[in-house]
Every structure is written in structure tokens, then in C-alpha cells.
Amino acid sequence: MTTVQASNAASDPFAAINSTVKSGATGPTAEDPQDRFLKLLVTQLKNQDPLNPLDNAQMTSQLAQMSTVSGIEKLNTTLGSLVDSFGNSQSMQAAGLIGKSVLTPGSQLSLTAGVAYGGVNLTAAADKVKLNILNSAGQVVQTQDLGARDAGVFNFAWDGMTDADTKAPDGKYTFSVEATQGANKVAAEALQIGTVSALVRTNSGFLLDLGAGGTVDFKGVQQIL
């Protein structure tokens, strides 16, 4: 009896697909990849050895591989859409901050018309919070006891008065914060206030231009004032 020998491509449809890609295919088409797989599978069934047909386990394995590849492609497409949607949403939120004042990580303090504002982010509740305000030379001009504070973000104001009971001139200052709960130190992050004047788009997201305060990551905004 004459038998028909299956070709290598028929016995392994994935090998045929890979061969097509390596031989100069320029990219996915309308037939990729399910249609090509089905055509190759039909060809395989037509040309299989009648005395040694493709068994169910092999067929199931090939179909499972195809299903996995298809699922991964659909998942990648879905994730791509979600990333684009998130980027658009973030750009709208960032654009809405133009002209508004925000609290971001930083220790700059701008004394204008005899008043300055800043903020602090405590990782835990503290029964004592101490604020040190320094001039451009790094000298402490005033120390404030801000009392007990709960965990989270809070604001403070400085009226420009120094420890010597004199009025400090308007200008740029910095500040540091020390917080404790009993004998334990509490992590305290200094937050500076700035007004958003523009947006800067980067590969990793949006930066907020705070003018003299420089640029900060949109994700670093702690509070909108």
C-alpha cells in the first residue's frame, strides 16, 4: 500500500510559522497568526500519514500553544490601551494644576510681604515637632515649636520674625523639621509651596514647572492648596 509521508511543515505548524518569519516576512498581516495556524493545521491533517495520524494529545498541545499566543497578544493590546488611557488622564489632571499652588517635597521657604508658608509630612503621630528656619548662610533665624501633630500632611506659616525679635527681610530661606514621639524619632519630610506655571512632558510622565522652585514630578504632589 502506498503511504503519504507528512512534510516537516505539516508535522509542526509552529516551525512553518517561524520559517516564514525568518525567510523575510516584514510583519503581521490580516492573516496573523490564527489564520496561518489554521491553514497549516488543515494542511497537516490532509497530508498526514494514514497509518500514523496525528494523535489527540499532539493536536491538543498545538491548539493550547496557539491559544496561549493569542491570549498574550490580546493582553498586550489591552495593557497598551490602559497605559494610553492612564497617560491621557494624567495629562488632564496635570493641566488642571496650572495656576494653582501645590505642596511638593522640598525645603525652600519664600518670605514675601512678611509671610511665608510651608508644609510637613509625618510618617507617624508626633508629640513634638520642631521647625528650624535658616537664612541663605545656613544660620538658624527662628525656631518654632509646632506642638503635637497627627500623622500625615499639615501646613505652617512664618510671620518673618526672628528669635532676636526682629523682622527678617523678604527673600529665600530654607527650613528643617525634627519630630519625636516620646524618645523615638519620627520621620518628617519637608514640603515646599510653589505655583504651577507650566507642564513638562517626559518619557516617564509629567513634570510641574514651579518657576523659581524648579520642576517636580507630578506624582510628588502631596497637597493642592
N, C-alpha and C. Protein backbone atom coordinates (compact mmCIF):
# COMPACT_ATOMS: atom_id res chain seq x y z
N MET A 1 0.85 -1.20 0.00
CA MET A 1 0.00 0.00 0.00
C MET A 1 0.88 1.23 0.00
N THR A 2 0.48 2.19 -0.82
CA THR A 2 1.24 3.45 -0.89
C THR A 2 0.87 4.34 0.27
N THR A 3 1.86 4.88 0.92
CA THR A 3 1.61 5.80 2.04
C THR A 3 2.05 7.19 1.66
N VAL A 4 1.44 8.16 2.32
CA VAL A 4 1.79 9.56 2.07
C VAL A 4 2.57 10.05 3.27
N GLN A 5 3.79 10.52 3.07
CA GLN A 5 4.62 11.00 4.16
C GLN A 5 4.34 12.48 4.41
N ALA A 6 4.12 12.80 5.69
CA ALA A 6 3.86 14.21 6.04
C ALA A 6 5.16 15.00 5.95
N SER A 7 5.06 16.21 5.48
CA SER A 7 6.24 17.07 5.38
C SER A 7 6.57 17.63 6.75
N ASN A 8 7.78 18.19 6.92
CA ASN A 8 8.17 18.78 8.19
C ASN A 8 7.25 19.92 8.58
N ALA A 9 6.86 20.74 7.60
CA ALA A 9 5.96 21.87 7.88
C ALA A 9 4.63 21.37 8.38
N ALA A 10 4.14 20.24 7.81
CA ALA A 10 2.84 19.74 8.22
C ALA A 10 2.90 19.16 9.61
N SER A 11 4.00 18.55 9.97
CA SER A 11 4.09 17.92 11.28
C SER A 11 4.30 18.93 12.40
N ASP A 12 4.74 20.09 12.05
CA ASP A 12 4.98 21.13 13.06
C ASP A 12 4.59 22.49 12.51
N PRO A 13 3.32 22.88 12.66
CA PRO A 13 2.88 24.17 12.09
C PRO A 13 3.63 25.35 12.66
N PHE A 14 4.10 25.29 13.92
CA PHE A 14 4.84 26.40 14.50
C PHE A 14 6.20 26.56 13.84
N ALA A 15 6.80 25.43 13.45
CA ALA A 15 8.07 25.50 12.73
C ALA A 15 7.87 26.21 11.40
N ALA A 16 6.74 25.95 10.76
CA ALA A 16 6.45 26.59 9.48
C ALA A 16 6.26 28.09 9.67
N ILE A 17 5.58 28.47 10.74
CA ILE A 17 5.37 29.89 11.00
C ILE A 17 6.71 30.58 11.24
N ASN A 18 7.55 29.94 12.07
CA ASN A 18 8.86 30.51 12.35
C ASN A 18 9.70 30.62 11.09
N SER A 19 9.57 29.61 10.23
CA SER A 19 10.31 29.61 8.97
C SER A 19 9.88 30.77 8.09
N THR A 20 8.57 31.06 8.10
CA THR A 20 8.05 32.16 7.30
C THR A 20 8.59 33.49 7.79
N VAL A 21 8.65 33.61 9.13
CA VAL A 21 9.16 34.87 9.70
C VAL A 21 10.62 35.06 9.36
N LYS A 22 11.41 33.96 9.47
CA LYS A 22 12.84 34.07 9.23
C LYS A 22 13.16 34.29 7.76
N SER A 23 12.25 33.85 6.87
CA SER A 23 12.56 33.93 5.44
C SER A 23 12.27 35.29 4.84
N GLY A 24 11.85 36.24 5.66
CA GLY A 24 11.73 37.60 5.12
C GLY A 24 10.37 38.21 5.29
N ALA A 25 9.50 37.66 6.18
CA ALA A 25 8.21 38.29 6.41
C ALA A 25 8.47 39.65 7.03
N THR A 26 7.75 40.64 6.57
CA THR A 26 8.03 42.02 7.00
C THR A 26 7.22 42.43 8.21
N GLY A 27 6.25 41.63 8.66
CA GLY A 27 5.47 42.00 9.84
C GLY A 27 4.10 41.36 9.79
N PRO A 28 3.32 41.51 10.87
CA PRO A 28 2.00 40.92 10.95
C PRO A 28 1.08 41.44 9.85
N THR A 29 0.24 40.55 9.34
CA THR A 29 -0.78 40.92 8.36
C THR A 29 -2.13 40.50 8.88
N ALA A 30 -3.16 40.63 8.03
CA ALA A 30 -4.51 40.28 8.44
C ALA A 30 -4.63 38.79 8.72
N GLU A 31 -3.68 37.97 8.19
CA GLU A 31 -3.76 36.54 8.39
C GLU A 31 -3.03 36.08 9.66
N ASP A 32 -2.36 36.98 10.36
CA ASP A 32 -1.58 36.61 11.54
C ASP A 32 -2.45 36.56 12.77
N PRO A 33 -2.03 35.62 13.74
CA PRO A 33 -1.31 34.40 13.42
C PRO A 33 -2.28 33.21 13.37
N GLN A 34 -3.55 33.47 13.83
CA GLN A 34 -4.52 32.37 13.89
C GLN A 34 -4.84 31.78 12.53
N ASP A 35 -5.02 32.65 11.52
CA ASP A 35 -5.39 32.14 10.19
C ASP A 35 -4.29 31.27 9.62
N ARG A 36 -3.04 31.71 9.79
CA ARG A 36 -1.93 30.90 9.28
C ARG A 36 -1.87 29.55 10.00
N PHE A 37 -2.10 29.60 11.30
CA PHE A 37 -2.07 28.35 12.07
C PHE A 37 -3.14 27.39 11.59
N LEU A 38 -4.36 27.90 11.39
CA LEU A 38 -5.44 27.03 10.96
C LEU A 38 -5.18 26.44 9.58
N LYS A 39 -4.64 27.26 8.67
CA LYS A 39 -4.33 26.76 7.33
C LYS A 39 -3.27 25.67 7.39
N LEU A 40 -2.25 25.90 8.22
CA LEU A 40 -1.20 24.90 8.36
C LEU A 40 -1.72 23.63 9.02
N LEU A 41 -2.64 23.80 9.96
CA LEU A 41 -3.20 22.63 10.62
C LEU A 41 -4.04 21.80 9.66
N VAL A 42 -4.84 22.48 8.83
CA VAL A 42 -5.64 21.76 7.83
C VAL A 42 -4.74 21.04 6.84
N THR A 43 -3.66 21.74 6.42
CA THR A 43 -2.70 21.11 5.52
C THR A 43 -2.07 19.88 6.16
N GLN A 44 -1.77 20.00 7.43
CA GLN A 44 -1.19 18.88 8.16
C GLN A 44 -2.14 17.69 8.19
N LEU A 45 -3.41 17.96 8.46
CA LEU A 45 -4.40 16.88 8.52
C LEU A 45 -4.60 16.22 7.15
N LYS A 46 -4.57 17.05 6.11
CA LYS A 46 -4.76 16.49 4.77
C LYS A 46 -3.59 15.61 4.35
N ASN A 47 -2.40 15.96 4.77
CA ASN A 47 -1.20 15.27 4.31
C ASN A 47 -0.61 14.32 5.35
N GLN A 48 -1.32 14.08 6.43
CA GLN A 48 -0.78 13.19 7.44
C GLN A 48 -0.74 11.74 6.94
N ASP A 49 0.10 10.95 7.53
CA ASP A 49 0.24 9.54 7.20
C ASP A 49 -0.98 8.80 7.72
N PRO A 50 -1.76 8.18 6.82
CA PRO A 50 -2.97 7.45 7.26
C PRO A 50 -2.65 6.36 8.27
N LEU A 51 -1.43 5.81 8.18
CA LEU A 51 -1.05 4.75 9.11
C LEU A 51 -0.49 5.31 10.43
N ASN A 52 -0.23 6.60 10.44
CA ASN A 52 0.31 7.22 11.65
C ASN A 52 -0.28 8.62 11.80
N PRO A 53 -1.60 8.70 12.00
CA PRO A 53 -2.26 10.01 12.06
C PRO A 53 -1.85 10.80 13.30
N LEU A 54 -2.10 12.09 13.22
CA LEU A 54 -1.82 12.97 14.35
C LEU A 54 -2.69 12.58 15.53
N ASP A 55 -2.07 12.31 16.69
CA ASP A 55 -2.87 11.88 17.84
C ASP A 55 -3.50 13.08 18.54
N ASN A 56 -4.50 12.77 19.38
CA ASN A 56 -5.26 13.82 20.05
C ASN A 56 -4.38 14.67 20.97
N ALA A 57 -3.42 14.02 21.65
CA ALA A 57 -2.56 14.77 22.58
C ALA A 57 -1.74 15.81 21.84
N GLN A 58 -1.21 15.45 20.68
CA GLN A 58 -0.42 16.40 19.91
C GLN A 58 -1.27 17.54 19.39
N MET A 59 -2.48 17.20 18.92
CA MET A 59 -3.41 18.22 18.44
C MET A 59 -3.78 19.19 19.56
N THR A 60 -4.09 18.62 20.73
CA THR A 60 -4.47 19.46 21.87
C THR A 60 -3.32 20.37 22.28
N SER A 61 -2.09 19.84 22.26
CA SER A 61 -0.92 20.62 22.63
C SER A 61 -0.73 21.80 21.69
N GLN A 62 -0.89 21.56 20.39
CA GLN A 62 -0.72 22.64 19.41
C GLN A 62 -1.80 23.71 19.57
N LEU A 63 -3.04 23.26 19.80
CA LEU A 63 -4.14 24.22 19.99
C LEU A 63 -3.92 25.04 21.26
N ALA A 64 -3.41 24.39 22.31
CA ALA A 64 -3.16 25.10 23.57
C ALA A 64 -2.08 26.15 23.38
N GLN A 65 -1.02 25.81 22.61
CA GLN A 65 0.04 26.78 22.34
C GLN A 65 -0.50 27.97 21.57
N MET A 66 -1.35 27.69 20.59
CA MET A 66 -1.92 28.76 19.78
C MET A 66 -2.80 29.66 20.64
N SER A 67 -3.58 29.05 21.54
CA SER A 67 -4.45 29.81 22.42
C SER A 67 -3.65 30.71 23.35
N THR A 68 -2.51 30.17 23.84
CA THR A 68 -1.65 30.96 24.72
C THR A 68 -1.07 32.16 24.00
N VAL A 69 -0.57 31.94 22.79
CA VAL A 69 0.00 33.04 22.00
C VAL A 69 -1.06 34.11 21.73
N SER A 70 -2.26 33.67 21.36
CA SER A 70 -3.35 34.61 21.07
C SER A 70 -3.72 35.40 22.31
N GLY A 71 -3.76 34.68 23.47
CA GLY A 71 -4.12 35.36 24.71
C GLY A 71 -3.11 36.41 25.11
N ILE A 72 -1.83 36.10 24.92
CA ILE A 72 -0.78 37.06 25.25
C ILE A 72 -0.87 38.30 24.36
N GLU A 73 -1.15 38.09 23.06
CA GLU A 73 -1.27 39.23 22.14
C GLU A 73 -2.43 40.14 22.55
N LYS A 74 -3.56 39.52 22.91
CA LYS A 74 -4.72 40.32 23.32
C LYS A 74 -4.42 41.06 24.62
N LEU A 75 -3.70 40.38 25.56
CA LEU A 75 -3.36 41.02 26.83
C LEU A 75 -2.44 42.22 26.59
N ASN A 76 -1.47 42.06 25.69
CA ASN A 76 -0.56 43.18 25.38
C ASN A 76 -1.32 44.35 24.79
N THR A 77 -2.28 44.05 23.92
CA THR A 77 -3.09 45.11 23.31
C THR A 77 -3.90 45.85 24.37
N THR A 78 -4.50 45.06 25.30
CA THR A 78 -5.30 45.66 26.37
C THR A 78 -4.44 46.52 27.28
N LEU A 79 -3.26 46.02 27.66
CA LEU A 79 -2.37 46.79 28.52
C LEU A 79 -1.92 48.08 27.84
N GLY A 80 -1.65 47.99 26.53
CA GLY A 80 -1.27 49.18 25.78
C GLY A 80 -2.36 50.24 25.82
N SER A 81 -3.61 49.79 25.68
CA SER A 81 -4.74 50.73 25.73
C SER A 81 -4.87 51.36 27.11
N LEU A 82 -4.66 50.55 28.16
CA LEU A 82 -4.75 51.07 29.52
C LEU A 82 -3.66 52.11 29.79
N VAL A 83 -2.45 51.83 29.32
CA VAL A 83 -1.34 52.77 29.51
C VAL A 83 -1.64 54.10 28.80
N ASP A 84 -2.16 54.02 27.57
CA ASP A 84 -2.51 55.24 26.84
C ASP A 84 -3.59 56.02 27.56
N SER A 85 -4.60 55.28 28.07
CA SER A 85 -5.70 55.92 28.78
C SER A 85 -5.21 56.59 30.05
N PHE A 86 -4.30 55.90 30.77
CA PHE A 86 -3.75 56.48 32.00
C PHE A 86 -2.95 57.74 31.70
N GLY A 87 -2.17 57.69 30.61
CA GLY A 87 -1.38 58.86 30.23
C GLY A 87 -2.26 60.06 29.92
N ASN A 88 -3.36 59.82 29.20
CA ASN A 88 -4.28 60.91 28.87
C ASN A 88 -4.94 61.47 30.12
N SER A 89 -5.32 60.57 31.03
CA SER A 89 -5.95 61.00 32.28
C SER A 89 -4.98 61.83 33.12
N GLN A 90 -3.71 61.37 33.18
CA GLN A 90 -2.71 62.09 33.95
C GLN A 90 -2.45 63.48 33.36
N SER A 91 -2.43 63.57 32.03
CA SER A 91 -2.18 64.87 31.40
C SER A 91 -3.30 65.85 31.71
N MET A 92 -4.54 65.36 31.75
CA MET A 92 -5.67 66.24 32.07
C MET A 92 -5.59 66.71 33.52
N GLN A 93 -5.22 65.79 34.43
CA GLN A 93 -5.09 66.16 35.83
C GLN A 93 -3.97 67.17 36.02
N ALA A 94 -2.84 66.92 35.36
CA ALA A 94 -1.70 67.82 35.49
C ALA A 94 -2.03 69.20 34.93
N ALA A 95 -2.72 69.24 33.79
CA ALA A 95 -3.09 70.52 33.17
C ALA A 95 -4.00 71.32 34.10
N GLY A 96 -4.82 70.62 34.88
CA GLY A 96 -5.73 71.31 35.80
C GLY A 96 -5.02 71.99 36.96
N LEU A 97 -3.73 71.70 37.14
CA LEU A 97 -2.98 72.30 38.24
C LEU A 97 -2.33 73.63 37.87
N ILE A 98 -2.32 73.98 36.59
CA ILE A 98 -1.68 75.23 36.17
C ILE A 98 -2.36 76.42 36.85
N GLY A 99 -1.54 77.23 37.49
CA GLY A 99 -2.06 78.40 38.20
C GLY A 99 -2.38 78.12 39.65
N LYS A 100 -2.30 76.86 40.08
CA LYS A 100 -2.62 76.51 41.47
C LYS A 100 -1.34 76.31 42.27
N SER A 101 -1.47 76.48 43.59
CA SER A 101 -0.35 76.25 44.49
C SER A 101 -0.39 74.80 44.99
N VAL A 102 0.78 74.19 45.06
CA VAL A 102 0.86 72.79 45.48
C VAL A 102 1.97 72.61 46.50
N LEU A 103 1.83 71.59 47.33
CA LEU A 103 2.85 71.20 48.28
C LEU A 103 3.62 70.03 47.69
N THR A 104 4.93 70.18 47.55
CA THR A 104 5.77 69.13 47.00
C THR A 104 7.01 68.96 47.87
N PRO A 105 7.69 67.83 47.79
CA PRO A 105 8.91 67.64 48.59
C PRO A 105 9.93 68.74 48.31
N GLY A 106 10.48 69.32 49.36
CA GLY A 106 11.45 70.40 49.21
C GLY A 106 11.47 71.25 50.48
N SER A 107 12.54 71.98 50.69
CA SER A 107 12.71 72.75 51.93
C SER A 107 12.84 74.25 51.69
N GLN A 108 12.47 74.72 50.51
CA GLN A 108 12.56 76.15 50.24
C GLN A 108 11.40 76.89 50.90
N LEU A 109 11.71 78.09 51.36
CA LEU A 109 10.72 78.92 52.03
C LEU A 109 10.87 80.34 51.50
N SER A 110 9.82 80.87 50.91
CA SER A 110 9.89 82.20 50.32
C SER A 110 9.12 83.20 51.19
N LEU A 111 9.86 84.14 51.77
CA LEU A 111 9.25 85.17 52.61
C LEU A 111 8.86 86.34 51.72
N THR A 112 7.56 86.55 51.57
CA THR A 112 7.05 87.61 50.70
C THR A 112 6.04 88.45 51.47
N ALA A 113 6.27 89.77 51.49
CA ALA A 113 5.40 90.70 52.24
C ALA A 113 5.28 90.27 53.70
N GLY A 114 6.40 89.77 54.23
CA GLY A 114 6.46 89.44 55.65
C GLY A 114 5.80 88.14 56.05
N VAL A 115 5.50 87.25 55.11
CA VAL A 115 4.88 85.98 55.47
C VAL A 115 5.38 84.88 54.53
N ALA A 116 5.51 83.67 55.08
CA ALA A 116 5.95 82.52 54.29
C ALA A 116 5.18 81.29 54.75
N TYR A 117 4.98 80.36 53.81
CA TYR A 117 4.23 79.14 54.13
C TYR A 117 5.02 77.90 53.69
N GLY A 118 4.83 76.83 54.44
CA GLY A 118 5.45 75.56 54.12
C GLY A 118 4.60 74.42 54.64
N GLY A 119 5.11 73.22 54.53
CA GLY A 119 4.36 72.06 54.99
C GLY A 119 5.28 70.96 55.49
N VAL A 120 4.68 69.99 56.17
CA VAL A 120 5.42 68.85 56.72
C VAL A 120 4.58 67.60 56.53
N ASN A 121 5.26 66.51 56.21
CA ASN A 121 4.59 65.22 56.09
C ASN A 121 5.19 64.28 57.13
N LEU A 122 4.39 63.89 58.13
CA LEU A 122 4.85 62.99 59.18
C LEU A 122 4.43 61.56 58.87
N THR A 123 5.35 60.62 59.03
CA THR A 123 5.02 59.21 58.77
C THR A 123 4.25 58.60 59.93
N ALA A 124 4.27 59.25 61.09
CA ALA A 124 3.54 58.77 62.27
C ALA A 124 3.23 59.96 63.15
N ALA A 125 2.33 59.77 64.11
CA ALA A 125 1.99 60.85 65.03
C ALA A 125 3.21 61.22 65.87
N ALA A 126 3.31 62.51 66.18
CA ALA A 126 4.43 63.01 66.98
C ALA A 126 3.89 63.90 68.09
N ASP A 127 4.49 63.79 69.27
CA ASP A 127 4.05 64.66 70.37
C ASP A 127 4.87 65.96 70.42
N LYS A 128 5.91 66.02 69.57
CA LYS A 128 6.69 67.25 69.49
C LYS A 128 7.24 67.41 68.09
N VAL A 129 6.99 68.58 67.50
CA VAL A 129 7.51 68.90 66.17
C VAL A 129 8.23 70.24 66.25
N LYS A 130 9.49 70.24 65.88
CA LYS A 130 10.31 71.45 65.95
C LYS A 130 10.68 71.91 64.55
N LEU A 131 10.49 73.20 64.27
CA LEU A 131 10.77 73.79 62.97
C LEU A 131 11.94 74.75 63.08
N ASN A 132 12.95 74.58 62.22
CA ASN A 132 14.09 75.49 62.17
C ASN A 132 14.09 76.21 60.83
N ILE A 133 14.13 77.53 60.87
CA ILE A 133 14.17 78.34 59.65
C ILE A 133 15.56 78.93 59.51
N LEU A 134 16.17 78.72 58.33
CA LEU A 134 17.55 79.13 58.11
C LEU A 134 17.65 80.16 56.98
N ASN A 135 18.63 81.05 57.10
CA ASN A 135 18.86 82.04 56.04
C ASN A 135 19.78 81.45 54.98
N SER A 136 20.16 82.26 53.99
CA SER A 136 20.97 81.77 52.87
C SER A 136 22.35 81.32 53.31
N ALA A 137 22.80 81.78 54.49
CA ALA A 137 24.12 81.40 55.01
C ALA A 137 24.04 80.12 55.85
N GLY A 138 22.83 79.57 55.97
CA GLY A 138 22.67 78.34 56.75
C GLY A 138 22.53 78.58 58.23
N GLN A 139 22.33 79.83 58.65
CA GLN A 139 22.17 80.17 60.06
C GLN A 139 20.69 80.13 60.46
N VAL A 140 20.42 79.56 61.61
CA VAL A 140 19.04 79.49 62.11
C VAL A 140 18.60 80.89 62.54
N VAL A 141 17.50 81.36 61.94
CA VAL A 141 16.99 82.70 62.29
C VAL A 141 15.77 82.59 63.20
N GLN A 142 15.09 81.45 63.14
CA GLN A 142 13.97 81.26 64.07
C GLN A 142 13.72 79.77 64.27
N THR A 143 13.33 79.45 65.50
CA THR A 143 12.94 78.09 65.85
C THR A 143 11.51 78.12 66.37
N GLN A 144 10.66 77.26 65.82
CA GLN A 144 9.26 77.20 66.24
C GLN A 144 8.94 75.84 66.80
N ASP A 145 8.13 75.83 67.85
CA ASP A 145 7.59 74.58 68.40
C ASP A 145 6.17 74.44 67.86
N LEU A 146 6.00 73.47 66.95
CA LEU A 146 4.69 73.29 66.32
C LEU A 146 3.77 72.36 67.11
N GLY A 147 4.24 71.89 68.27
CA GLY A 147 3.40 71.08 69.14
C GLY A 147 3.20 69.66 68.64
N ALA A 148 2.15 69.01 69.16
CA ALA A 148 1.84 67.63 68.78
C ALA A 148 1.08 67.63 67.46
N ARG A 149 1.37 66.64 66.63
CA ARG A 149 0.72 66.55 65.31
C ARG A 149 0.40 65.10 64.98
N ASP A 150 -0.69 64.92 64.27
CA ASP A 150 -1.05 63.58 63.79
C ASP A 150 -0.22 63.23 62.56
N ALA A 151 -0.22 61.96 62.23
CA ALA A 151 0.48 61.52 61.02
C ALA A 151 -0.18 62.13 59.79
N GLY A 152 0.63 62.41 58.79
CA GLY A 152 0.11 62.99 57.55
C GLY A 152 0.67 64.37 57.27
N VAL A 153 0.01 65.09 56.38
CA VAL A 153 0.47 66.40 55.92
C VAL A 153 -0.22 67.52 56.69
N PHE A 154 0.56 68.52 57.08
CA PHE A 154 -0.01 69.74 57.67
C PHE A 154 0.81 70.94 57.21
N ASN A 155 0.21 72.11 57.31
CA ASN A 155 0.86 73.35 56.86
C ASN A 155 1.27 74.21 58.05
N PHE A 156 2.20 75.12 57.80
CA PHE A 156 2.60 76.08 58.83
C PHE A 156 2.84 77.43 58.16
N ALA A 157 2.84 78.48 58.97
CA ALA A 157 3.09 79.83 58.47
C ALA A 157 4.19 80.47 59.32
N TRP A 158 5.02 81.28 58.67
CA TRP A 158 6.05 82.03 59.37
C TRP A 158 5.80 83.51 59.12
N ASP A 159 5.75 84.28 60.22
CA ASP A 159 5.46 85.72 60.11
C ASP A 159 6.69 86.57 59.87
N GLY A 160 7.85 85.92 59.64
CA GLY A 160 9.06 86.68 59.34
C GLY A 160 9.83 87.14 60.57
N MET A 161 9.31 86.87 61.76
CA MET A 161 10.02 87.29 62.98
C MET A 161 11.14 86.31 63.30
N THR A 162 12.26 86.83 63.79
CA THR A 162 13.41 86.02 64.14
C THR A 162 13.43 85.76 65.64
N ASP A 163 14.35 84.88 66.07
CA ASP A 163 14.49 84.61 67.50
C ASP A 163 14.98 85.85 68.25
N ALA A 164 15.60 86.79 67.54
CA ALA A 164 16.08 88.04 68.14
C ALA A 164 14.97 89.08 68.19
N ASP A 165 13.74 88.66 67.82
CA ASP A 165 12.57 89.55 67.83
C ASP A 165 12.72 90.71 66.86
N THR A 166 13.37 90.43 65.72
CA THR A 166 13.48 91.41 64.64
C THR A 166 12.79 90.86 63.41
N LYS A 167 12.49 91.74 62.47
CA LYS A 167 11.80 91.32 61.25
C LYS A 167 12.84 90.91 60.21
N ALA A 168 12.71 89.69 59.71
CA ALA A 168 13.62 89.21 58.67
C ALA A 168 13.24 89.83 57.33
N PRO A 169 14.21 90.15 56.50
CA PRO A 169 13.90 90.73 55.18
C PRO A 169 13.28 89.68 54.25
N ASP A 170 12.44 90.16 53.34
CA ASP A 170 11.87 89.24 52.35
C ASP A 170 12.99 88.58 51.55
N GLY A 171 12.74 87.36 51.13
CA GLY A 171 13.75 86.66 50.35
C GLY A 171 13.59 85.16 50.47
N LYS A 172 14.64 84.44 50.08
CA LYS A 172 14.64 82.99 50.08
C LYS A 172 15.25 82.44 51.36
N TYR A 173 14.54 81.50 51.97
CA TYR A 173 15.01 80.82 53.16
C TYR A 173 14.80 79.32 52.96
N THR A 174 15.34 78.55 53.90
CA THR A 174 15.09 77.11 53.92
C THR A 174 14.65 76.72 55.33
N PHE A 175 14.15 75.51 55.45
CA PHE A 175 13.73 75.06 56.78
C PHE A 175 13.98 73.56 56.93
N SER A 176 14.08 73.12 58.18
CA SER A 176 14.21 71.71 58.50
C SER A 176 13.23 71.38 59.62
N VAL A 177 12.89 70.11 59.73
CA VAL A 177 11.90 69.68 60.71
C VAL A 177 12.44 68.51 61.52
N GLU A 178 12.21 68.56 62.83
CA GLU A 178 12.56 67.45 63.72
C GLU A 178 11.29 67.05 64.47
N ALA A 179 10.96 65.75 64.45
CA ALA A 179 9.75 65.28 65.11
C ALA A 179 10.06 64.06 65.97
N THR A 180 9.43 63.99 67.14
CA THR A 180 9.65 62.86 68.04
C THR A 180 8.32 62.42 68.66
N GLN A 181 8.28 61.16 69.03
CA GLN A 181 7.16 60.60 69.79
C GLN A 181 7.78 59.94 71.01
N GLY A 182 7.73 60.65 72.13
CA GLY A 182 8.45 60.18 73.31
C GLY A 182 9.94 60.28 73.05
N ALA A 183 10.63 59.14 73.21
CA ALA A 183 12.07 59.12 72.96
C ALA A 183 12.40 58.69 71.54
N ASN A 184 11.38 58.40 70.75
CA ASN A 184 11.59 57.90 69.39
C ASN A 184 11.46 59.01 68.35
N LYS A 185 12.37 58.97 67.38
CA LYS A 185 12.34 59.96 66.30
C LYS A 185 11.30 59.56 65.26
N VAL A 186 10.57 60.53 64.77
CA VAL A 186 9.55 60.31 63.74
C VAL A 186 10.04 60.92 62.43
N ALA A 187 9.98 60.14 61.36
CA ALA A 187 10.42 60.65 60.05
C ALA A 187 9.51 61.80 59.61
N ALA A 188 10.13 62.93 59.27
CA ALA A 188 9.38 64.12 58.86
C ALA A 188 9.95 64.64 57.55
N GLU A 189 9.10 64.78 56.55
CA GLU A 189 9.53 65.27 55.23
C GLU A 189 9.12 66.73 55.07
N ALA A 190 10.08 67.57 54.68
CA ALA A 190 9.79 68.99 54.43
C ALA A 190 9.07 69.14 53.10
N LEU A 191 8.06 69.99 53.09
CA LEU A 191 7.27 70.24 51.88
C LEU A 191 7.28 71.74 51.58
N GLN A 192 7.58 72.09 50.35
CA GLN A 192 7.59 73.50 49.96
C GLN A 192 6.37 73.82 49.10
N ILE A 193 5.99 75.08 49.12
CA ILE A 193 4.84 75.54 48.34
C ILE A 193 5.33 76.21 47.07
N GLY A 194 4.70 75.88 45.96
CA GLY A 194 5.02 76.51 44.69
C GLY A 194 3.78 76.63 43.84
N THR A 195 3.80 77.55 42.90
CA THR A 195 2.68 77.74 41.99
C THR A 195 3.03 77.15 40.63
N VAL A 196 2.16 76.29 40.12
CA VAL A 196 2.42 75.61 38.85
C VAL A 196 2.23 76.60 37.70
N SER A 197 3.29 76.78 36.91
CA SER A 197 3.22 77.72 35.79
C SER A 197 3.14 77.01 34.44
N ALA A 198 3.61 75.76 34.38
CA ALA A 198 3.59 75.03 33.10
C ALA A 198 3.82 73.54 33.36
N LEU A 199 3.59 72.74 32.32
CA LEU A 199 3.83 71.30 32.37
C LEU A 199 4.97 70.94 31.43
N VAL A 200 5.76 69.97 31.85
CA VAL A 200 6.84 69.46 31.01
C VAL A 200 6.63 67.95 30.88
N ARG A 201 6.42 67.49 29.65
CA ARG A 201 6.19 66.06 29.44
C ARG A 201 7.52 65.35 29.19
N THR A 202 7.72 64.23 29.90
CA THR A 202 8.92 63.41 29.73
C THR A 202 8.50 61.98 29.42
N ASN A 203 9.47 61.12 29.14
CA ASN A 203 9.17 59.72 28.84
C ASN A 203 8.55 58.99 30.04
N SER A 204 8.85 59.47 31.24
CA SER A 204 8.35 58.81 32.45
C SER A 204 7.11 59.47 33.04
N GLY A 205 6.62 60.54 32.43
CA GLY A 205 5.43 61.21 32.95
C GLY A 205 5.53 62.72 32.81
N PHE A 206 4.84 63.43 33.71
CA PHE A 206 4.81 64.89 33.64
C PHE A 206 5.57 65.51 34.80
N LEU A 207 6.26 66.61 34.48
CA LEU A 207 6.91 67.42 35.49
C LEU A 207 6.15 68.74 35.59
N LEU A 208 6.01 69.25 36.80
CA LEU A 208 5.36 70.53 37.03
C LEU A 208 6.42 71.60 37.16
N ASP A 209 6.31 72.66 36.38
CA ASP A 209 7.25 73.78 36.44
C ASP A 209 6.74 74.76 37.51
N LEU A 210 7.53 74.90 38.59
CA LEU A 210 7.13 75.78 39.69
C LEU A 210 7.90 77.10 39.66
N GLY A 211 8.40 77.46 38.49
CA GLY A 211 9.13 78.72 38.36
C GLY A 211 10.44 78.67 39.13
N ALA A 212 10.60 79.58 40.11
CA ALA A 212 11.83 79.64 40.90
C ALA A 212 12.02 78.38 41.73
N GLY A 213 10.93 77.63 41.94
CA GLY A 213 11.02 76.40 42.72
C GLY A 213 11.48 75.21 41.91
N GLY A 214 11.77 75.42 40.61
CA GLY A 214 12.24 74.33 39.75
C GLY A 214 11.10 73.45 39.27
N THR A 215 11.43 72.24 38.85
CA THR A 215 10.42 71.30 38.37
C THR A 215 10.32 70.12 39.33
N VAL A 216 9.12 69.61 39.48
CA VAL A 216 8.89 68.45 40.35
C VAL A 216 8.02 67.45 39.61
N ASP A 217 8.13 66.20 40.00
CA ASP A 217 7.33 65.14 39.41
C ASP A 217 5.86 65.32 39.80
N PHE A 218 4.97 65.16 38.83
CA PHE A 218 3.53 65.26 39.11
C PHE A 218 3.12 64.32 40.23
N LYS A 219 3.74 63.13 40.28
CA LYS A 219 3.39 62.15 41.30
C LYS A 219 3.87 62.56 42.69
N GLY A 220 4.73 63.59 42.75
CA GLY A 220 5.23 64.03 44.05
C GLY A 220 4.35 65.05 44.74
N VAL A 221 3.27 65.48 44.11
CA VAL A 221 2.36 66.47 44.73
C VAL A 221 1.70 65.86 45.95
N GLN A 222 1.88 66.49 47.09
CA GLN A 222 1.32 65.99 48.35
C GLN A 222 -0.03 66.64 48.68
N GLN A 223 -0.20 67.87 48.22
CA GLN A 223 -1.44 68.58 48.53
C GLN A 223 -1.63 69.72 47.55
N ILE A 224 -2.89 69.95 47.15
CA ILE A 224 -3.23 71.07 46.27
C ILE A 224 -3.91 72.13 47.15
N LEU A 225 -3.40 73.34 47.13
CA LEU A 225 -3.90 74.39 48.02
C LEU A 225 -4.91 75.29 47.33
